[in-house]
């Protein structure tokens, strides 16, 4: 499974693809929309399951969308 993880920072949101840092966003909804588009596209192109997760202040992560 290919994971896209959104992590809160003091001034915005950082998006990771696996362990690779991808993009930074000032707004939550922009981070979520971009991550979901990337996950859906990766699933369509590679045929592997993908998921978007949000890190909850170091207490774990929540799945916010899945593809495949």
C-alpha atoms as a PDB file:
ATOM      1  CA  UNK A   1       0.000   0.000   0.000  1.00  0.00           C
ATOM      2  CA  UNK A   2       1.245   3.464  -0.912  1.00  0.00           C
ATOM      3  CA  UNK A   3       0.596   5.995   1.867  1.00  0.00           C
ATOM      4  CA  UNK A   4       0.178   9.741   1.632  1.00  0.00           C
ATOM      5  CA  UNK A   5       0.481  11.314   5.083  1.00  0.00           C
ATOM      6  CA  UNK A   6      -0.480  14.855   6.064  1.00  0.00           C
ATOM      7  CA  UNK A   7       1.336  16.209   9.115  1.00  0.00           C
ATOM      8  CA  UNK A   8       0.390  19.386  10.998  1.00  0.00           C
ATOM      9  CA  UNK A   9       3.114  21.982  11.408  1.00  0.00           C
ATOM     10  CA  UNK A  10       3.007  25.245  13.321  1.00  0.00           C
ATOM     11  CA  UNK A  11       2.300  27.229  10.170  1.00  0.00           C
ATOM     12  CA  UNK A  12       0.582  24.744   7.845  1.00  0.00           C
ATOM     13  CA  UNK A  13       0.516  21.166   6.627  1.00  0.00           C
ATOM     14  CA  UNK A  14       3.313  18.978   5.204  1.00  0.00           C
ATOM     15  CA  UNK A  15       2.458  16.184   2.777  1.00  0.00           C
ATOM     16  CA  UNK A  16       4.589  13.041   2.570  1.00  0.00           C
ATOM     17  CA  UNK A  17       4.454  10.235   0.019  1.00  0.00           C
ATOM     18  CA  UNK A  18       5.739   7.335   2.047  1.00  0.00           C
ATOM     19  CA  UNK A  19       8.778   8.801   3.820  1.00  0.00           C
ATOM     20  CA  UNK A  20       9.476  11.337   1.040  1.00  0.00           C
ATOM     21  CA  UNK A  21       8.561  14.943   1.710  1.00  0.00           C
ATOM     22  CA  UNK A  22       6.317  16.218  -1.115  1.00  0.00           C
ATOM     23  CA  UNK A  23       4.495  19.515  -0.731  1.00  0.00           C
ATOM     24  CA  UNK A  24       3.677  22.064   1.960  1.00  0.00           C
ATOM     25  CA  UNK A  25       0.277  23.765   2.275  1.00  0.00           C
ATOM     26  CA  UNK A  26      -0.949  26.693   4.329  1.00  0.00           C
ATOM     27  CA  UNK A  27      -4.523  25.346   4.378  1.00  0.00           C
ATOM     28  CA  UNK A  28      -5.819  21.938   5.499  1.00  0.00           C
ATOM     29  CA  UNK A  29      -8.347  21.596   2.687  1.00  0.00           C
ATOM     30  CA  UNK A  30      -5.666  22.247   0.048  1.00  0.00           C
ATOM     31  CA  UNK A  31      -3.424  19.574   1.587  1.00  0.00           C
ATOM     32  CA  UNK A  32      -6.273  17.066   1.740  1.00  0.00           C
ATOM     33  CA  UNK A  33      -7.434  17.727  -1.821  1.00  0.00           C
ATOM     34  CA  UNK A  34      -3.921  17.431  -3.246  1.00  0.00           C
ATOM     35  CA  UNK A  35      -3.162  14.248  -1.293  1.00  0.00           C
ATOM     36  CA  UNK A  36      -6.418  12.633  -2.412  1.00  0.00           C
ATOM     37  CA  UNK A  37      -5.755  13.498  -6.068  1.00  0.00           C
ATOM     38  CA  UNK A  38      -2.207  12.089  -5.824  1.00  0.00           C
ATOM     39  CA  UNK A  39      -3.484   8.919  -4.154  1.00  0.00           C
ATOM     40  CA  UNK A  40      -6.241   8.373  -6.724  1.00  0.00           C
ATOM     41  CA  UNK A  41      -3.841   8.989  -9.618  1.00  0.00           C
ATOM     42  CA  UNK A  42      -1.202   6.649  -8.190  1.00  0.00           C
ATOM     43  CA  UNK A  43      -3.830   3.940  -7.750  1.00  0.00           C
ATOM     44  CA  UNK A  44      -5.091   4.353 -11.332  1.00  0.00           C
ATOM     45  CA  UNK A  45      -1.605   4.410 -12.869  1.00  0.00           C
ATOM     46  CA  UNK A  46       0.126   1.754 -10.759  1.00  0.00           C
ATOM     47  CA  UNK A  47      -2.787  -0.430  -9.739  1.00  0.00           C
ATOM     48  CA  UNK A  48      -1.684  -0.497  -6.101  1.00  0.00           C
ATOM     49  CA  UNK A  49      -3.900   0.377  -3.135  1.00  0.00           C
ATOM     50  CA  UNK A  50      -3.316   3.868  -1.731  1.00  0.00           C
ATOM     51  CA  UNK A  51      -4.482   5.748   1.336  1.00  0.00           C
ATOM     52  CA  UNK A  52      -4.391   9.281   2.686  1.00  0.00           C
ATOM     53  CA  UNK A  53      -3.742   9.593   6.399  1.00  0.00           C
ATOM     54  CA  UNK A  54      -3.428  12.503   8.792  1.00  0.00           C
ATOM     55  CA  UNK A  55      -0.965  12.375  11.676  1.00  0.00           C
ATOM     56  CA  UNK A  56      -2.724  13.273  14.934  1.00  0.00           C
ATOM     57  CA  UNK A  57      -0.089  15.160  16.907  1.00  0.00           C
ATOM     58  CA  UNK A  58       2.189  12.150  17.241  1.00  0.00           C
ATOM     59  CA  UNK A  59      -0.603  10.043  18.826  1.00  0.00           C
ATOM     60  CA  UNK A  60      -1.211   7.960  15.717  1.00  0.00           C
ATOM     61  CA  UNK A  61      -2.783   8.483  12.339  1.00  0.00           C
ATOM     62  CA  UNK A  62      -6.306   8.486  10.928  1.00  0.00           C
ATOM     63  CA  UNK A  63      -7.229   7.238   7.466  1.00  0.00           C
ATOM     64  CA  UNK A  64      -9.167   9.954   5.640  1.00  0.00           C
ATOM     65  CA  UNK A  65      -9.454   8.274   2.216  1.00  0.00           C
ATOM     66  CA  UNK A  66      -8.579   5.011   0.455  1.00  0.00           C
ATOM     67  CA  UNK A  67      -8.260   3.926  -3.162  1.00  0.00           C
ATOM     68  CA  UNK A  68      -8.245   0.268  -4.135  1.00  0.00           C
END
